Amino acid sequence: MERKKVEVVKKLTGLLRPFRGKIVTILLCLICTAFLNLLIPLCTESLMDRGFLNNNFHVVVNVSLILLTIQFINILLGTIKEKIRISIEKDIISNLSEQAYQHLLKLKINYFDNKNSAEILQNTLTDTMKIGSIASPQLFLAVTQILNFIGGIIGLLLISWKLSFLVLLFIPLKYIAVCFFAKQRLKATENYIDSYGDYAKWYGNVLAGMREIRTLDLSKKKYAEFKRKCNEFLENRRKMMWLDTMDGNINTLLVQILIAAIYIYGANEVFNFQISVGGFFAFISFSGYVTDPIALFMGIFYSFSDIIPSSKRYFEFLDLEEEDNRGGWLNEDIEKIEFENVNFCYKSNEEILENVSFVINKGDRIAIIGENGVGKTTILLLLLRFYEPNCGRILINGKDIRNYMITSYRKKISVVSQRVYLFNDTLRNNICLGENLEKAQLYDILRKSNLTEFCDENKLDNLVGENGIMLSGGQVQKIALARTLAQNREILIFDEVTSNMDKISQENVSELIRSKKKQNIIIWVTHDPEFLKLADKIIVVENKRLVVKNNKERR
């Protein structure tokens, strides 16, 4: 466990390497500030002993102006330092967010099987913001506080070694207190992250199923679940806040005890003329230079107990396996697709497909049929390389599809699935997907998809809403069909697309299948007997195996 924490810390510090130049500038500002701050107690001593106690107005004015100048320079340096630091923190969060997004685009599809969008978004935002706090002011101040600490120790010893002993006693007491609370907070933070992640996942599921909740009268049941899950993560948050409060209270108590001890013992030293009044006030200032860095160092340790859990989860997320996009570019036309002794199972280790073999040639029209859950869609997912066979191979033109880059391979395929996703964008952009289509070409696609009601420039630029919420289920399926026509790729895949279509739209799909030239391979999953008549071959999936039949009724 400790080794993992060390690895996480190394990765965190590695995030700062690209900003070395800016960090050096910040450190120079802080070093100058630290040096100037060491002059303040000496000026205070001079102000008291040579100014106020000697009734020397000239000294009071000069020293006051010096202190004002020091503060002005400190403010200027602090402004420069903070501007650079904020830009570093922003860039770190931006880089982490971009890295997470790029990783999401490449993750194996099974990652999304057990995650919903709310959970993924919550985890990503929480973790990137937490990790970004490594560029907080505390981290940079810690470096220069070492100078303050050393200067403070020297100043204390020069004024009074006896009073210095009181200050040094504070260090182990503060260390023990912070270590205790940091350990407790680390545990509380981990519990909070887990419970909040579970809450976000549950909340995302509720939002996705809001219509079913109302239709099936599940509101009371879901409200009880809400109370339980919400209270769970809020209780963990309460524990974190309580630990923060207790840590602050203990720190304040220790400091006040130290100050009281310094005042009591220091007064005795002043009354016995062991140190001057100015020296005593300088001592109090120098003691702050010793205790403040200790509190800061302990505070960084305490803050890291908040960052580590998020960092651990984020880096574990980045370590998740991505799709293998190595291989050559698929330039040639697809002449043949072959499943060769393919076996496949999901996480349950129960085989869905067993020893599956078949061949699809260029120009074939293939219908896949079978009962629900027998693996029809799984065959399509394997062909799309969203999953890999447990054994056996899938060949394209006699070569294993793993020899080709996934991006080049998928550019050959258009898919219309049961679950079509529409982006919260215009109808035009949902069909064209970045392609520049001529107006006449786009209108032709709309007519072939039975979307003639949208053959209007204004309507094409209307937003369809989140996942096409502004459209009917049939219109969503038609838009998916229009996408396929716009892409015009070699392999067309239809997965139960006619289930939500009206009769006219079904006829459009039938016409599309009949009209496509022989350079296209068309594969569809269906239960509709009419669509079976369009197939050259019918693949029957049953009992983990399949049978390929030539269609004698082909039209």
Foldseek 3Di string as FASTA:
>chain_A
DVVLLVVLVVVLVVLCVVVVVLLVLLLVLLLLLLVLLLCVLVLLLCCVPVDPVVVNPVSVVVSVVSVVVSVVSNVVSVVSNVVSLVVSLVVQLVVLLVLLVVQVVFFQPVVCVLFDPQLSVVLSVVQSNLSSCCSPPLVSNLVNLVVLQVSLLVLLVVFPVVLSVLLVVLLVVLVVLLVVLLVVLLVLLLQLSVLVSVLRRLVRVCVVCVVVCVVVVVVVVVVVVNVVSVVRNVVSVVSNVVSVVVSVVVLVVSVVVSVVVLVVVVVVCCVVVVGDPSSSSSNVSSSCSNSVSSNSVSVVSSSVSNNSSSSSVSVVSSPRDGQDQDAAAPDDAFFKKWWAQFWDDDPVPDILAGGEIDMDGQLFEEEEEEDPSSQPVVVVCCQLVSDDTPDTAMDTVRHGPSNHGSVNSCLQEAEQAPQFFAAQFFLLCSQQVPPDDDLVLLCVLCVLLVNNVCNDPVNRRDTLPGRNPVDDPQVSLSSSSSSCVNSVHQEYEYEQSCPRHDPVNVVSVLVVLVPDDSSHYYYYYHPDPVVVLQGQWYWYRDPNYIDIGGDPNHD
